[in-house]
Amino acid sequence: MILHELVTDSARRDPGALAVACGDDTLTYGQLDTAADRYAAALRARGVRPGDRVLVWGGKSTAAVALMQGALRAGALYVPVTSSNPTTRVATIARDCDAVLVAVDDSAAARAAQDPDALGPGSAPLVPLDDLLAEGAGQPAEPPHRADPDAPAYILYTSGSTGTPKGVSISHTNALAFVTWAARLLDLRPEDRLSNHAPFNFDLSVFDLYGAFLAGASVHLVSPEMAYTPLHLAEFITSERITVWYSVPSALVLMMRDGKLLDRPQPPALRACVFAGEPFALAQAQTLRKHWSGVRLLNWYGPTETNVCTSYEVTDADLARTRPLPIGSAASGDTVTLDPPGEGEIVVSGPTVMLGYWGRPAHRGPYRTGDIGRIGADGELEYVGRIDHMVKIRGQRIELGEIEAVLGAHEAVAAAAVVVVGSGLESELHAIAVPAEGARPRLLDLKGFSAARLPTYMVLDALHLTDALPLTPNGKTDRPALLAAIERGEL
């Protein structure tokens, strides 16, 4: 089985069933199947060949979903990039994966027009999604490319420690090992209506899309504008009759705190609520359990490189829990161990482990996550924290080194370090900068400089100036010392 066969199979079973919706923009399985074929034909006509990379730059839409399916049918890999990414970062990603074409929606096209030189000479052509669909309608139909299940299907770019985003290469087998496990666990059926809160470049969206397509269910896209608008999100679950919700805990906390989620009756159609991407505070999870007694609550864990590799189901027994919510036990056919045993780095092996980082040697053997875990008293795995300085802000994985690399490129900055102050919804990115000679960096200047080069969620919230960065005995920046100084009010 390969990923694009899921839509074809569901279209054969029930072509009139709803497949994907974004507000009033909807596609049935039959329509999605046809649109995917047209996109595939257009890509082939433009010279896209099996193994090529097609970058999909824009917001959420049924057209973007169909284009990704069309890329797979042409044998190409799709590379999703949200419209909030500045043109310079998109150019970096396009060069890194050697994209042959960049499919854009109106928002991405407008952003590119504001900075026409950012993509650089010889870059992949930008082609509107609507143009591609129209071109495909006039092309002869061809059978979909029959990919090797172990061949790469898509690349998800994450924040990179050297200042350059890293592309996680995922095969059909990797994705389907997780999706089939998840569909079985949640007993997905054609009548289910799945939410899609995460952007397409975030690994949470893999379940939303392919879980729905595997079951012949429908997936309902949450627009970026609505994604962190608590009242609208809370209304969305009920108005769209969502049966399976999946998001980062931050979104649920926002709905609980600011969206009056728990002042409303339990959403009548909702039967499962899944969260992943960051720790869910125990008190908040317990409150949700009390109010949604008829909804299954599941805590999933796994980095982009493995997708979901552990799972824990929250039950009424957890209302008496005093330790952090566990991340559970191995999932998706994977094996999860700790090095050293008892409490140590979480190490994952099995079918969901990535092929590797694009452009680098193939990954072999178990994947060391860089996360520290421990076995709790009940035998379940608990998340402790990060080994390095990779962090998550509102569910988005951020390598602080990428932000530091951008800040260090500003003419007023001689050196910079970034730390996270606070936790959960109150998390903020604080930069500590050493001014260049004769200069004095300003917060607004650095925010604007960063916004042109980084996604919005990676733009700093506060700035502190210092004469020198403290160093550890091995010569690395001492971030704990900087964080302690900020918390003491010394910076």
Protein backbone atom coordinates (compact mmCIF):
# COMPACT_ATOMS: atom_id res chain seq x y z
CA MET A 1 0.00 0.00 0.00
CA ILE A 2 1.17 3.53 -0.79
CA LEU A 3 -0.31 6.80 0.40
CA HIS A 4 -2.12 8.03 -2.70
CA GLU A 5 -3.95 4.71 -3.07
CA LEU A 6 -5.97 5.58 0.05
CA VAL A 7 -7.93 8.29 -1.77
CA THR A 8 -8.40 6.09 -4.84
CA ASP A 9 -9.74 3.21 -2.76
CA SER A 10 -12.16 5.46 -0.85
CA ALA A 11 -13.31 7.08 -4.10
CA ARG A 12 -14.11 3.65 -5.53
CA ARG A 13 -16.12 2.70 -2.44
CA ASP A 14 -18.12 5.92 -2.20
CA PRO A 15 -17.26 8.71 -4.69
CA GLY A 16 -19.97 10.99 -3.30
CA ALA A 17 -18.72 10.90 0.30
CA LEU A 18 -17.18 14.10 1.68
CA ALA A 19 -13.38 13.87 1.72
CA VAL A 20 -12.01 17.29 2.68
CA ALA A 21 -13.58 20.58 3.68
CA CYS A 22 -12.25 24.05 4.40
CA GLY A 23 -15.31 26.11 5.26
CA ASP A 24 -17.57 26.13 2.23
CA ASP A 25 -14.76 24.80 0.01
CA THR A 26 -15.35 21.05 -0.17
CA LEU A 27 -14.36 18.03 -2.24
CA THR A 28 -15.98 14.62 -2.32
CA TYR A 29 -13.75 11.58 -2.74
CA GLY A 30 -14.66 11.44 -6.40
CA GLN A 31 -13.77 15.11 -6.87
CA LEU A 32 -10.53 14.77 -4.89
CA ASP A 33 -9.56 11.75 -6.96
CA THR A 34 -10.19 13.66 -10.19
CA ALA A 35 -8.37 16.78 -9.00
CA ALA A 36 -5.35 14.73 -7.88
CA ASP A 37 -5.19 13.10 -11.34
CA ARG A 38 -5.32 16.52 -13.02
CA TYR A 39 -2.54 17.90 -10.84
CA ALA A 40 -0.46 14.81 -11.56
CA ALA A 41 -0.99 15.30 -15.31
CA ALA A 42 -0.03 18.98 -15.07
CA LEU A 43 3.12 18.18 -13.12
CA ARG A 44 4.17 15.53 -15.63
CA ALA A 45 3.55 17.94 -18.51
CA ARG A 46 5.84 20.44 -16.79
CA GLY A 47 8.60 17.85 -16.64
CA VAL A 48 8.17 16.63 -13.07
CA ARG A 49 9.49 13.09 -12.83
CA PRO A 50 9.45 10.36 -10.15
CA GLY A 51 11.72 11.34 -7.30
CA ASP A 52 11.50 15.10 -7.98
CA ARG A 53 10.48 17.47 -5.20
CA VAL A 54 7.44 19.74 -5.48
CA LEU A 55 7.21 22.49 -2.89
CA VAL A 56 3.67 23.45 -1.82
CA TRP A 57 3.74 26.99 -0.41
CA GLY A 58 0.54 28.45 0.96
CA GLY A 59 -2.29 28.17 3.42
CA LYS A 60 -4.75 25.37 3.91
CA SER A 61 -7.18 24.55 1.13
CA THR A 62 -8.75 21.61 -0.63
CA ALA A 63 -6.58 22.51 -3.64
CA ALA A 64 -3.38 22.13 -1.59
CA VAL A 65 -4.53 18.70 -0.41
CA ALA A 66 -5.29 17.65 -3.99
CA LEU A 67 -1.94 18.97 -5.22
CA MET A 68 -0.07 16.92 -2.60
CA GLN A 69 -1.96 13.84 -3.74
CA GLY A 70 -1.22 14.72 -7.36
CA ALA A 71 2.50 15.01 -6.63
CA LEU A 72 2.46 11.49 -5.16
CA ARG A 73 0.63 10.16 -8.23
CA ALA A 74 3.34 11.67 -10.42
CA GLY A 75 5.93 9.90 -8.27
CA ALA A 76 7.21 13.18 -6.82
CA LEU A 77 7.77 14.08 -3.18
CA TYR A 78 5.72 16.96 -1.81
CA VAL A 79 7.27 19.51 0.54
CA PRO A 80 4.65 21.60 2.40
CA VAL A 81 5.58 25.10 3.56
CA THR A 82 3.03 27.40 5.22
CA SER A 83 2.26 30.82 3.77
CA SER A 84 3.56 32.49 6.96
CA ASN A 85 7.13 31.57 5.97
CA PRO A 86 9.08 34.53 4.55
CA THR A 87 10.32 34.24 0.99
CA THR A 88 13.96 33.97 2.07
CA ARG A 89 13.22 30.88 4.18
CA VAL A 90 11.15 29.32 1.40
CA ALA A 91 14.08 29.91 -0.94
CA THR A 92 16.41 28.16 1.51
CA ILE A 93 14.10 25.14 1.69
CA ALA A 94 13.59 25.06 -2.08
CA ARG A 95 17.36 25.06 -2.63
CA ASP A 96 17.97 22.45 0.05
CA CYS A 97 15.54 19.94 -1.49
CA ASP A 98 16.30 21.08 -5.06
CA ALA A 99 12.61 21.67 -5.76
CA VAL A 100 11.68 21.59 -9.44
CA LEU A 101 8.47 23.55 -8.95
CA VAL A 102 6.84 25.71 -6.26
CA ALA A 103 3.04 25.54 -6.25
CA VAL A 104 1.55 28.66 -4.61
CA ASP A 105 -1.82 29.96 -3.54
CA ASP A 106 -2.78 33.65 -3.64
CA SER A 107 -1.30 34.43 -0.20
CA ALA A 108 2.09 32.91 -1.04
CA ALA A 109 2.13 34.55 -4.47
CA ALA A 110 1.49 37.94 -2.85
CA ARG A 111 4.31 37.36 -0.35
CA ALA A 112 6.69 36.39 -3.14
CA ALA A 113 5.72 39.49 -5.13
CA GLN A 114 6.74 41.70 -2.20
CA ASP A 115 10.28 40.26 -2.33
CA PRO A 116 10.79 39.13 -5.96
CA ASP A 117 14.57 38.78 -5.66
CA ALA A 118 14.53 36.53 -2.58
CA LEU A 119 14.14 33.27 -4.49
CA GLY A 120 17.28 34.06 -6.47
CA PRO A 121 18.34 33.31 -10.05
CA GLY A 122 17.71 29.85 -11.40
CA SER A 123 15.13 29.09 -8.72
CA ALA A 124 12.20 26.75 -9.27
CA PRO A 125 9.25 28.38 -11.04
CA LEU A 126 6.30 29.59 -8.96
CA VAL A 127 3.03 28.27 -10.41
CA PRO A 128 -0.44 29.09 -9.01
CA LEU A 129 -2.48 26.08 -7.89
CA ASP A 130 -5.40 27.18 -10.07
CA ASP A 131 -3.17 27.29 -13.15
CA LEU A 132 -1.89 23.79 -12.52
CA LEU A 133 -5.41 22.41 -12.15
CA ALA A 134 -6.50 24.06 -15.41
CA GLU A 135 -3.43 22.74 -17.22
CA GLY A 136 -4.11 19.22 -15.99
CA ALA A 137 -7.64 19.22 -17.38
CA GLY A 138 -6.24 19.27 -20.91
CA GLN A 139 -3.68 16.51 -20.45
CA PRO A 140 -4.15 12.82 -21.26
CA ALA A 141 -4.81 10.59 -18.25
CA GLU A 142 -2.02 8.28 -17.11
CA PRO A 143 -1.99 5.62 -14.41
CA PRO A 144 -0.54 6.82 -11.10
CA HIS A 145 3.14 6.11 -10.52
CA ARG A 146 3.56 2.87 -8.59
CA ALA A 147 6.04 3.87 -5.92
CA ASP A 148 8.18 1.59 -3.81
CA PRO A 149 6.51 1.67 -0.35
CA ASP A 150 9.94 2.33 1.16
CA ALA A 151 10.61 5.29 -1.14
CA PRO A 152 10.22 8.83 0.24
CA ALA A 153 6.74 10.33 -0.04
CA TYR A 154 7.15 13.78 1.53
CA ILE A 155 9.64 15.98 3.35
CA LEU A 156 8.76 17.96 6.48
CA TYR A 157 11.16 20.79 7.28
CA THR A 158 11.96 21.46 10.92
CA SER A 159 14.11 24.04 12.64
CA GLY A 160 17.84 23.34 12.25
CA SER A 161 20.64 23.86 14.78
CA THR A 162 23.01 25.46 12.25
CA GLY A 163 20.53 28.11 11.15
CA THR A 164 19.38 26.05 8.16
CA PRO A 165 16.07 24.13 8.26
CA LYS A 166 16.38 20.32 8.16
CA GLY A 167 14.18 18.21 5.90
CA VAL A 168 12.85 15.03 7.49
CA SER A 169 12.32 12.47 4.72
CA ILE A 170 9.36 10.15 5.34
CA SER A 171 8.47 7.06 3.30
CA HIS A 172 5.04 5.63 2.50
CA THR A 173 5.84 2.78 4.90
CA ASN A 174 6.82 5.21 7.68
CA ALA A 175 3.56 7.15 7.40
CA LEU A 176 1.27 4.15 6.96
CA ALA A 177 2.73 2.28 9.94
CA PHE A 178 1.55 5.15 12.14
CA VAL A 179 -1.72 5.87 10.33
CA THR A 180 -2.96 2.27 10.27
CA TRP A 181 -2.11 1.87 13.97
CA ALA A 182 -3.91 5.11 14.84
CA ALA A 183 -6.98 4.26 12.74
CA ARG A 184 -7.23 0.91 14.50
CA LEU A 185 -6.78 2.44 17.96
CA LEU A 186 -9.50 5.03 17.33
CA ASP A 187 -11.71 2.70 15.29
CA LEU A 188 -12.01 5.24 12.47
CA ARG A 189 -15.05 4.79 10.22
CA PRO A 190 -16.46 6.46 7.10
CA GLU A 191 -18.90 8.51 9.18
CA ASP A 192 -16.09 10.10 11.20
CA ARG A 193 -15.26 13.79 10.80
CA LEU A 194 -11.63 14.54 11.69
CA SER A 195 -10.27 17.98 12.47
CA ASN A 196 -7.05 19.33 10.99
CA HIS A 197 -5.67 21.98 13.32
CA ALA A 198 -1.95 21.59 12.54
CA PRO A 199 -0.30 23.14 9.48
CA PHE A 200 0.59 20.69 6.72
CA ASN A 201 4.31 20.94 7.47
CA PHE A 202 3.69 19.75 11.05
CA ASP A 203 3.63 15.98 11.50
CA LEU A 204 0.30 16.08 13.39
CA SER A 205 -1.42 16.71 10.04
CA VAL A 206 -0.32 13.29 8.74
CA PHE A 207 -2.93 11.59 10.92
CA ASP A 208 -5.64 14.13 10.08
CA LEU A 209 -5.31 13.65 6.33
CA TYR A 210 -4.34 10.02 5.91
CA GLY A 211 -6.35 8.71 8.84
CA ALA A 212 -9.43 10.17 7.16
CA PHE A 213 -8.45 8.86 3.72
CA LEU A 214 -7.75 5.37 5.05
CA ALA A 215 -11.18 5.16 6.70
CA GLY A 216 -13.09 6.98 3.95
CA ALA A 217 -13.94 9.65 6.53
CA SER A 218 -13.80 13.44 6.08
CA VAL A 219 -11.13 15.87 7.27
CA HIS A 220 -12.06 19.45 8.16
CA LEU A 221 -9.29 22.01 7.80
CA VAL A 222 -8.83 24.70 10.42
CA SER A 223 -7.55 27.85 8.73
CA PRO A 224 -4.43 29.57 10.13
CA GLU A 225 -6.59 32.57 11.03
CA MET A 226 -8.82 30.37 13.21
CA ALA A 227 -6.08 28.12 14.61
CA TYR A 228 -5.53 30.15 17.77
CA THR A 229 -8.87 31.97 17.97
CA PRO A 230 -10.34 30.18 20.98
CA LEU A 231 -14.01 31.06 20.61
CA HIS A 232 -14.09 30.10 16.94
CA LEU A 233 -12.24 26.84 17.61
CA ALA A 234 -14.65 25.87 20.36
CA GLU A 235 -17.58 26.61 18.06
CA PHE A 236 -15.87 24.73 15.19
CA ILE A 237 -15.86 21.42 17.08
CA THR A 238 -19.62 21.56 17.49
CA SER A 239 -20.68 23.28 14.27
CA GLU A 240 -18.60 20.93 12.10
CA ARG A 241 -19.75 17.90 14.11
CA ILE A 242 -16.12 16.84 14.68
CA THR A 243 -15.82 13.28 15.98
CA VAL A 244 -12.02 13.14 16.36
CA TRP A 245 -10.03 16.22 17.44
CA TYR A 246 -6.20 16.30 17.25
CA SER A 247 -4.04 19.28 18.23
CA VAL A 248 -1.26 20.53 20.44
CA PRO A 249 -2.35 20.96 24.08
CA SER A 250 -1.92 24.74 23.76
CA ALA A 251 -4.94 24.91 21.47
CA LEU A 252 -7.07 23.00 23.97
CA VAL A 253 -5.87 25.19 26.84
CA LEU A 254 -6.74 28.32 24.87
CA MET A 255 -10.22 26.98 24.20
CA MET A 256 -10.63 26.05 27.86
CA ARG A 257 -9.32 29.38 29.14
CA ASP A 258 -10.55 31.90 26.58
CA GLY A 259 -13.03 30.03 24.39
CA LYS A 260 -15.54 29.02 27.07
CA LEU A 261 -15.07 25.42 25.96
CA LEU A 262 -15.98 23.95 29.33
CA ASP A 263 -18.94 26.29 29.79
CA ARG A 264 -20.56 24.58 26.82
CA PRO A 265 -22.11 21.10 26.75
CA GLN A 266 -19.79 18.32 25.70
CA PRO A 267 -19.68 18.46 21.86
CA PRO A 268 -22.35 15.93 20.91
CA ALA A 269 -20.47 14.25 18.05
CA LEU A 270 -17.00 14.23 19.63
CA ARG A 271 -15.82 10.79 20.67
CA ALA A 272 -12.02 11.17 20.79
CA CYS A 273 -9.67 14.04 21.63
CA VAL A 274 -5.98 13.47 20.92
CA PHE A 275 -3.15 15.82 21.85
CA ALA A 276 0.57 15.76 21.09
CA GLY A 277 3.51 18.02 20.34
CA GLU A 278 4.20 19.28 23.86
CA PRO A 279 3.44 18.32 27.48
CA PHE A 280 -0.16 18.82 28.64
CA ALA A 281 -0.23 20.22 32.18
CA LEU A 282 -1.73 17.61 34.51
CA ALA A 283 -4.28 19.96 36.09
CA GLN A 284 -5.59 21.01 32.67
CA ALA A 285 -5.82 17.42 31.46
CA GLN A 286 -7.70 16.43 34.63
CA THR A 287 -10.14 19.31 34.18
CA LEU A 288 -10.82 18.24 30.61
CA ARG A 289 -11.32 14.62 31.74
CA LYS A 290 -13.92 15.75 34.30
CA HIS A 291 -15.90 17.76 31.78
CA TRP A 292 -15.61 15.39 28.83
CA SER A 293 -16.39 12.13 30.56
CA GLY A 294 -17.78 10.59 27.36
CA VAL A 295 -14.77 11.44 25.17
CA ARG A 296 -11.64 9.33 24.86
CA LEU A 297 -8.54 11.42 25.69
CA LEU A 298 -5.19 10.29 24.33
CA ASN A 299 -1.71 11.70 24.86
CA TRP A 300 0.60 10.90 21.93
CA TYR A 301 4.35 11.46 21.79
CA GLY A 302 6.99 11.41 19.07
CA PRO A 303 9.30 13.79 17.20
CA THR A 304 8.88 14.48 13.50
CA GLU A 305 11.60 11.91 12.83
CA THR A 306 9.41 9.09 14.18
CA ASN A 307 5.90 10.54 14.21
CA VAL A 308 3.88 8.99 17.05
CA CYS A 309 5.90 6.31 18.82
CA THR A 310 4.16 6.20 22.24
CA SER A 311 0.57 6.60 23.39
CA TYR A 312 -1.26 6.98 26.68
CA GLU A 313 -5.03 7.05 27.23
CA VAL A 314 -6.27 9.30 30.02
CA THR A 315 -8.97 7.73 32.19
CA ASP A 316 -10.86 8.60 35.35
CA ALA A 317 -8.06 6.93 37.32
CA ASP A 318 -5.83 9.83 36.31
CA LEU A 319 -8.00 12.26 38.27
CA ALA A 320 -6.09 11.13 41.37
CA ARG A 321 -2.69 11.37 39.67
CA THR A 322 -0.09 13.73 41.12
CA ARG A 323 2.82 13.02 38.76
CA PRO A 324 2.98 14.38 35.18
CA LEU A 325 0.73 12.82 32.56
CA PRO A 326 2.61 9.84 31.04
CA ILE A 327 3.42 9.54 27.37
CA GLY A 328 2.63 5.85 27.75
CA SER A 329 3.96 2.86 25.93
CA ALA A 330 5.27 2.02 22.46
CA ALA A 331 2.92 2.60 19.52
CA SER A 332 2.81 2.25 15.72
CA GLY A 333 4.74 -1.04 15.82
CA ASP A 334 7.81 0.72 17.23
CA THR A 335 10.12 -0.30 20.05
CA VAL A 336 10.93 2.42 22.58
CA THR A 337 13.78 2.14 25.10
CA LEU A 338 15.67 4.40 27.50
CA ASP A 339 19.43 4.83 27.48
CA PRO A 340 20.34 4.29 30.26
CA PRO A 341 17.32 2.22 31.40
CA GLY A 342 15.03 3.65 34.04
CA GLU A 343 15.72 7.28 33.18
CA GLY A 344 17.59 8.29 30.06
CA GLU A 345 17.37 9.31 26.43
CA ILE A 346 14.31 8.03 24.58
CA VAL A 347 15.44 5.80 21.71
CA VAL A 348 13.03 4.62 19.00
CA SER A 349 13.35 1.82 16.46
CA GLY A 350 10.73 0.43 14.12
CA PRO A 351 8.69 1.16 11.01
CA THR A 352 7.97 4.85 11.66
CA VAL A 353 11.61 5.94 11.98
CA MET A 354 12.46 8.36 9.16
CA LEU A 355 14.58 7.59 6.11
CA GLY A 356 16.91 10.41 7.15
CA TYR A 357 17.44 14.14 6.67
CA TRP A 358 17.18 15.17 3.05
CA GLY A 359 20.57 15.59 1.40
CA ARG A 360 22.37 13.76 4.19
CA PRO A 361 23.32 10.11 4.63
CA ALA A 362 20.40 7.72 5.14
CA HIS A 363 19.46 7.10 8.75
CA ARG A 364 20.34 3.63 9.97
CA GLY A 365 19.23 1.89 13.14
CA PRO A 366 17.40 3.34 16.14
CA TYR A 367 16.67 7.07 16.38
CA ARG A 368 17.90 8.92 19.45
CA THR A 369 15.29 11.57 20.14
CA GLY A 370 17.31 13.87 22.38
CA ASP A 371 14.40 13.68 24.86
CA ILE A 372 14.83 12.38 28.39
CA GLY A 373 12.22 9.93 29.69
CA ARG A 374 11.75 7.85 32.79
CA ILE A 375 9.62 4.89 33.80
CA GLY A 376 7.01 5.94 36.36
CA ALA A 377 5.78 3.91 39.30
CA ASP A 378 2.93 2.53 37.17
CA GLY A 379 5.36 1.32 34.50
CA GLU A 380 4.36 3.99 31.99
CA LEU A 381 6.89 6.19 30.23
CA GLU A 382 7.04 9.83 31.38
CA TYR A 383 8.59 12.76 29.50
CA VAL A 384 11.24 14.64 31.49
CA GLY A 385 12.73 17.19 29.07
CA ARG A 386 15.30 17.88 26.35
CA ILE A 387 18.96 16.96 26.39
CA ASP A 388 19.95 19.89 24.22
CA HIS A 389 18.45 23.33 23.70
CA MET A 390 15.75 22.38 21.22
CA VAL A 391 12.43 23.59 22.58
CA LYS A 392 8.74 23.67 21.76
CA ILE A 393 6.67 26.84 21.83
CA ARG A 394 2.92 26.23 21.59
CA GLY A 395 3.61 22.87 19.96
CA GLN A 396 6.04 24.20 17.35
CA ARG A 397 9.48 22.63 17.43
CA ILE A 398 12.18 25.29 17.53
CA GLU A 399 15.94 24.94 17.41
CA LEU A 400 17.20 27.98 19.28
CA GLY A 401 20.36 27.93 17.17
CA GLU A 402 18.36 28.85 14.07
CA ILE A 403 17.03 32.01 15.75
CA GLU A 404 20.50 32.81 17.09
CA ALA A 405 21.98 32.44 13.62
CA VAL A 406 19.51 34.99 12.24
CA LEU A 407 20.08 37.46 15.09
CA GLY A 408 23.84 37.08 14.67
CA ALA A 409 23.49 38.22 11.07
CA HIS A 410 22.14 41.64 12.16
CA GLU A 411 24.73 44.41 11.86
CA ALA A 412 24.09 45.65 15.40
CA VAL A 413 24.64 42.23 17.03
CA ALA A 414 28.05 40.78 17.83
CA ALA A 415 26.73 37.62 19.49
CA ALA A 416 23.35 36.34 20.62
CA ALA A 417 21.74 33.57 22.62
CA VAL A 418 18.05 32.70 22.95
CA VAL A 419 16.27 31.10 25.91
CA VAL A 420 12.67 30.25 26.70
CA VAL A 421 11.19 32.07 29.69
CA GLY A 422 8.01 30.68 31.23
CA SER A 423 6.08 27.59 30.25
CA GLY A 424 2.94 26.55 28.40
CA LEU A 425 0.91 29.44 27.03
CA GLU A 426 3.15 31.92 28.84
CA SER A 427 6.31 30.71 27.07
CA GLU A 428 8.34 33.53 25.52
CA LEU A 429 11.51 33.67 23.44
CA HIS A 430 14.06 35.99 25.04
CA ALA A 431 17.19 37.02 23.15
CA ILE A 432 20.36 38.04 24.96
CA ALA A 433 22.58 40.06 22.62
CA VAL A 434 26.08 41.43 22.78
CA PRO A 435 26.01 44.72 20.82
CA ALA A 436 28.41 45.24 17.94
CA GLU A 437 30.96 47.98 18.49
CA GLY A 438 29.30 51.37 18.47
CA ALA A 439 25.79 49.87 18.08
CA ARG A 440 22.80 49.28 20.32
CA PRO A 441 20.28 46.71 19.02
CA ARG A 442 16.60 47.49 19.52
CA LEU A 443 13.84 44.93 20.03
CA LEU A 444 11.64 46.27 17.23
CA ASP A 445 14.53 46.26 14.77
CA LEU A 446 15.46 42.66 15.58
CA LYS A 447 11.82 41.53 15.46
CA GLY A 448 11.44 43.01 11.98
CA PHE A 449 14.75 41.54 10.85
CA SER A 450 13.74 38.11 12.16
CA ALA A 451 10.22 38.25 10.73
CA ALA A 452 11.69 38.56 7.22
CA ARG A 453 13.69 35.37 7.72
CA LEU A 454 11.79 33.14 10.15
CA PRO A 455 8.22 31.90 10.72
CA THR A 456 6.14 34.06 13.05
CA TYR A 457 6.36 31.61 15.94
CA MET A 458 10.18 31.94 15.94
CA VAL A 459 10.27 35.73 16.31
CA LEU A 460 11.62 36.83 19.70
CA ASP A 461 9.40 38.34 22.38
CA ALA A 462 12.00 40.19 24.47
CA LEU A 463 15.57 41.48 24.22
CA HIS A 464 18.30 41.81 26.85
CA LEU A 465 21.69 43.39 26.23
CA THR A 466 24.93 42.24 27.86
CA ASP A 467 28.65 42.85 27.48
CA ALA A 468 29.45 39.13 27.10
CA LEU A 469 27.67 35.78 27.05
CA PRO A 470 28.53 33.42 29.92
CA LEU A 471 30.23 30.19 28.90
CA THR A 472 30.25 26.66 30.30
CA PRO A 473 33.59 24.96 31.06
CA ASN A 474 33.59 23.42 27.56
CA GLY A 475 33.21 26.82 25.92
CA LYS A 476 29.51 26.67 25.01
CA THR A 477 27.00 29.38 25.82
CA ASP A 478 25.66 28.82 29.33
CA ARG A 479 21.92 29.13 28.70
CA PRO A 480 20.90 28.05 32.21
CA ALA A 481 22.98 30.90 33.62
CA LEU A 482 21.32 33.36 31.23
CA LEU A 483 17.84 32.10 32.11
CA ALA A 484 18.60 32.35 35.84
CA ALA A 485 19.86 35.92 35.37
CA ILE A 486 16.67 36.91 33.52
CA GLU A 487 14.48 35.33 36.19
CA ARG A 488 16.43 37.20 38.88
CA GLY A 489 15.97 40.45 36.98
CA GLU A 490 19.70 40.88 36.41
CA LEU A 491 19.43 41.26 32.64
